[in-house]
Amino acid sequence: MAEPAMAPGGGAMPDLDHLAEKTIARCGNARAAVKELLLTNILMEHELDMARATNSYGYTRGWHHRRREPEA
């Protein structure tokens, strides 16, 4: 078995192959798993946007970058 990869912070990375197999098994097929992961990502992006909106740029000391509006 290969040695686990290390995350940038020094912690161990999760076994992505195992997690992918678990997700596919839970969803029934790969297409349903991808749809679930995309939906989860959309929801997490929404939560992050809400957190950014409630915390000022100065309070977070520039931790998050201000989003630029798309150019027309």
N, C-alpha and C. Protein backbone atom coordinates (compact mmCIF):
# COMPACT_ATOMS: atom_id res chain seq x y z
N MET A 1 0.85 -1.18 0.00
CA MET A 1 0.00 0.00 0.00
C MET A 1 0.89 1.24 0.00
N ALA A 2 0.51 2.23 -0.75
CA ALA A 2 1.30 3.46 -0.85
C ALA A 2 1.14 4.28 0.43
N GLU A 3 2.17 5.03 0.72
CA GLU A 3 2.12 5.90 1.88
C GLU A 3 1.16 7.05 1.60
N PRO A 4 0.33 7.44 2.60
CA PRO A 4 -0.63 8.52 2.36
C PRO A 4 0.06 9.83 2.03
N ALA A 5 -0.54 10.57 1.13
CA ALA A 5 -0.01 11.89 0.76
C ALA A 5 -0.24 12.86 1.91
N MET A 6 0.59 13.87 1.96
CA MET A 6 0.46 14.86 3.03
C MET A 6 -0.18 16.13 2.48
N ALA A 7 -1.07 16.70 3.24
CA ALA A 7 -1.72 17.95 2.89
C ALA A 7 -0.74 19.10 3.11
N PRO A 8 -0.99 20.27 2.50
CA PRO A 8 -0.08 21.41 2.69
C PRO A 8 0.13 21.77 4.16
N GLY A 9 -0.88 21.59 5.00
CA GLY A 9 -0.76 21.92 6.42
C GLY A 9 -0.05 20.85 7.23
N GLY A 10 0.31 19.73 6.61
CA GLY A 10 1.02 18.67 7.30
C GLY A 10 0.15 17.49 7.69
N GLY A 11 -1.18 17.62 7.59
CA GLY A 11 -2.07 16.51 7.92
C GLY A 11 -2.15 15.52 6.77
N ALA A 12 -2.66 14.34 7.05
CA ALA A 12 -2.79 13.32 6.02
C ALA A 12 -3.96 13.64 5.09
N MET A 13 -3.79 13.37 3.81
CA MET A 13 -4.85 13.56 2.83
C MET A 13 -5.81 12.38 2.92
N PRO A 14 -7.10 12.60 2.67
CA PRO A 14 -8.03 11.47 2.67
C PRO A 14 -7.76 10.56 1.47
N ASP A 15 -8.14 9.31 1.60
CA ASP A 15 -8.00 8.34 0.52
C ASP A 15 -9.11 8.62 -0.50
N LEU A 16 -8.79 9.39 -1.54
CA LEU A 16 -9.80 9.84 -2.49
C LEU A 16 -10.41 8.69 -3.28
N ASP A 17 -9.62 7.66 -3.60
CA ASP A 17 -10.16 6.52 -4.33
C ASP A 17 -11.24 5.82 -3.51
N HIS A 18 -10.97 5.64 -2.23
CA HIS A 18 -11.95 4.98 -1.36
C HIS A 18 -13.21 5.83 -1.23
N LEU A 19 -13.02 7.14 -1.05
CA LEU A 19 -14.18 8.03 -0.92
C LEU A 19 -14.99 8.08 -2.21
N ALA A 20 -14.32 8.05 -3.37
CA ALA A 20 -15.03 8.05 -4.65
C ALA A 20 -15.86 6.78 -4.79
N GLU A 21 -15.28 5.64 -4.47
CA GLU A 21 -16.02 4.36 -4.55
C GLU A 21 -17.21 4.36 -3.61
N LYS A 22 -17.04 4.90 -2.41
CA LYS A 22 -18.14 4.97 -1.44
C LYS A 22 -19.27 5.86 -1.96
N THR A 23 -18.90 6.99 -2.56
CA THR A 23 -19.91 7.91 -3.08
C THR A 23 -20.67 7.30 -4.24
N ILE A 24 -19.96 6.65 -5.16
CA ILE A 24 -20.61 6.00 -6.30
C ILE A 24 -21.53 4.89 -5.81
N ALA A 25 -21.08 4.11 -4.84
CA ALA A 25 -21.92 3.02 -4.31
C ALA A 25 -23.18 3.58 -3.65
N ARG A 26 -23.03 4.68 -2.91
CA ARG A 26 -24.19 5.27 -2.23
C ARG A 26 -25.19 5.83 -3.23
N CYS A 27 -24.69 6.41 -4.32
CA CYS A 27 -25.56 7.05 -5.31
C CYS A 27 -26.11 6.07 -6.34
N GLY A 28 -25.47 4.95 -6.53
CA GLY A 28 -25.96 3.96 -7.47
C GLY A 28 -25.18 3.92 -8.77
N ASN A 29 -24.72 5.06 -9.26
CA ASN A 29 -23.90 5.09 -10.47
C ASN A 29 -23.07 6.38 -10.50
N ALA A 30 -22.12 6.42 -11.41
CA ALA A 30 -21.18 7.54 -11.46
C ALA A 30 -21.88 8.86 -11.82
N ARG A 31 -22.87 8.80 -12.71
CA ARG A 31 -23.57 10.03 -13.12
C ARG A 31 -24.30 10.66 -11.93
N ALA A 32 -24.98 9.84 -11.15
CA ALA A 32 -25.68 10.35 -9.97
C ALA A 32 -24.69 10.89 -8.95
N ALA A 33 -23.54 10.26 -8.81
CA ALA A 33 -22.52 10.72 -7.88
C ALA A 33 -21.99 12.08 -8.30
N VAL A 34 -21.73 12.26 -9.60
CA VAL A 34 -21.24 13.55 -10.09
C VAL A 34 -22.29 14.64 -9.85
N LYS A 35 -23.55 14.33 -10.11
CA LYS A 35 -24.61 15.31 -9.89
C LYS A 35 -24.68 15.70 -8.42
N GLU A 36 -24.55 14.72 -7.52
CA GLU A 36 -24.58 15.02 -6.10
C GLU A 36 -23.39 15.90 -5.70
N LEU A 37 -22.22 15.60 -6.21
CA LEU A 37 -21.04 16.39 -5.89
C LEU A 37 -21.14 17.81 -6.43
N LEU A 38 -21.70 17.97 -7.63
CA LEU A 38 -21.89 19.31 -8.19
C LEU A 38 -22.88 20.11 -7.35
N LEU A 39 -23.96 19.48 -6.94
CA LEU A 39 -24.95 20.16 -6.10
C LEU A 39 -24.33 20.56 -4.77
N THR A 40 -23.56 19.67 -4.18
CA THR A 40 -22.90 19.98 -2.91
C THR A 40 -21.95 21.15 -3.09
N ASN A 41 -21.22 21.18 -4.19
CA ASN A 41 -20.29 22.28 -4.46
C ASN A 41 -21.04 23.60 -4.61
N ILE A 42 -22.16 23.59 -5.32
CA ILE A 42 -22.97 24.81 -5.49
C ILE A 42 -23.45 25.32 -4.13
N LEU A 43 -23.92 24.40 -3.28
CA LEU A 43 -24.41 24.81 -1.96
C LEU A 43 -23.28 25.36 -1.10
N MET A 44 -22.10 24.76 -1.18
CA MET A 44 -20.96 25.25 -0.40
C MET A 44 -20.50 26.62 -0.89
N GLU A 45 -20.53 26.83 -2.23
CA GLU A 45 -20.18 28.15 -2.76
C GLU A 45 -21.16 29.20 -2.29
N HIS A 46 -22.44 28.85 -2.21
CA HIS A 46 -23.46 29.78 -1.73
C HIS A 46 -23.19 30.13 -0.26
N GLU A 47 -22.88 29.13 0.56
CA GLU A 47 -22.59 29.39 1.96
C GLU A 47 -21.36 30.29 2.11
N LEU A 48 -20.34 30.05 1.29
CA LEU A 48 -19.14 30.87 1.34
C LEU A 48 -19.44 32.31 0.92
N ASP A 49 -20.27 32.47 -0.11
CA ASP A 49 -20.67 33.82 -0.53
C ASP A 49 -21.41 34.54 0.59
N MET A 50 -22.27 33.81 1.31
CA MET A 50 -23.01 34.41 2.42
C MET A 50 -22.05 34.81 3.54
N ALA A 51 -21.06 33.97 3.82
CA ALA A 51 -20.08 34.30 4.86
C ALA A 51 -19.25 35.51 4.46
N ARG A 52 -18.88 35.58 3.18
CA ARG A 52 -18.11 36.73 2.71
C ARG A 52 -18.93 38.02 2.84
N ALA A 53 -20.22 37.92 2.57
CA ALA A 53 -21.08 39.11 2.62
C ALA A 53 -21.25 39.61 4.05
N THR A 54 -21.19 38.72 5.02
CA THR A 54 -21.42 39.13 6.41
C THR A 54 -20.15 39.55 7.12
N ASN A 55 -18.98 39.27 6.55
CA ASN A 55 -17.71 39.67 7.15
C ASN A 55 -17.05 40.71 6.26
N SER A 56 -16.65 41.81 6.88
CA SER A 56 -16.03 42.87 6.10
C SER A 56 -14.65 42.45 5.64
N TYR A 57 -14.18 43.10 4.60
CA TYR A 57 -12.85 42.83 4.06
C TYR A 57 -11.78 43.12 5.12
N GLY A 58 -11.96 44.19 5.85
CA GLY A 58 -11.00 44.55 6.89
C GLY A 58 -10.98 43.56 8.04
N TYR A 59 -12.15 43.06 8.42
CA TYR A 59 -12.24 42.11 9.52
C TYR A 59 -11.48 40.83 9.19
N THR A 60 -11.58 40.38 7.96
CA THR A 60 -10.89 39.14 7.58
C THR A 60 -9.44 39.39 7.20
N ARG A 61 -9.01 40.65 7.28
CA ARG A 61 -7.62 41.04 6.99
C ARG A 61 -7.18 40.56 5.61
N GLY A 62 -8.10 40.66 4.66
CA GLY A 62 -7.77 40.31 3.28
C GLY A 62 -7.70 38.83 3.01
N TRP A 63 -8.20 37.99 3.93
CA TRP A 63 -8.14 36.54 3.73
C TRP A 63 -8.87 36.12 2.46
N HIS A 64 -10.00 36.74 2.21
CA HIS A 64 -10.71 36.44 0.96
C HIS A 64 -10.59 37.63 0.03
N HIS A 65 -10.54 37.32 -1.23
CA HIS A 65 -10.44 38.38 -2.23
C HIS A 65 -11.82 38.84 -2.62
N ARG A 66 -11.93 40.11 -2.85
CA ARG A 66 -13.22 40.64 -3.31
C ARG A 66 -13.49 40.07 -4.69
N ARG A 67 -14.72 39.66 -4.89
CA ARG A 67 -15.09 39.13 -6.20
C ARG A 67 -15.28 40.27 -7.17
N ARG A 68 -14.72 40.11 -8.34
CA ARG A 68 -14.91 41.10 -9.39
C ARG A 68 -16.18 40.77 -10.15
N GLU A 69 -16.90 41.80 -10.48
CA GLU A 69 -18.10 41.63 -11.29
C GLU A 69 -17.67 41.25 -12.71
N PRO A 70 -18.37 40.32 -13.35
CA PRO A 70 -18.01 39.96 -14.73
C PRO A 70 -18.15 41.17 -15.66
N GLU A 71 -17.18 41.30 -16.55
CA GLU A 71 -17.21 42.40 -17.49
C GLU A 71 -18.22 42.13 -18.58
N ALA A 72 -18.92 43.16 -18.99
CA ALA A 72 -19.95 43.00 -20.03
C ALA A 72 -19.35 42.95 -21.40
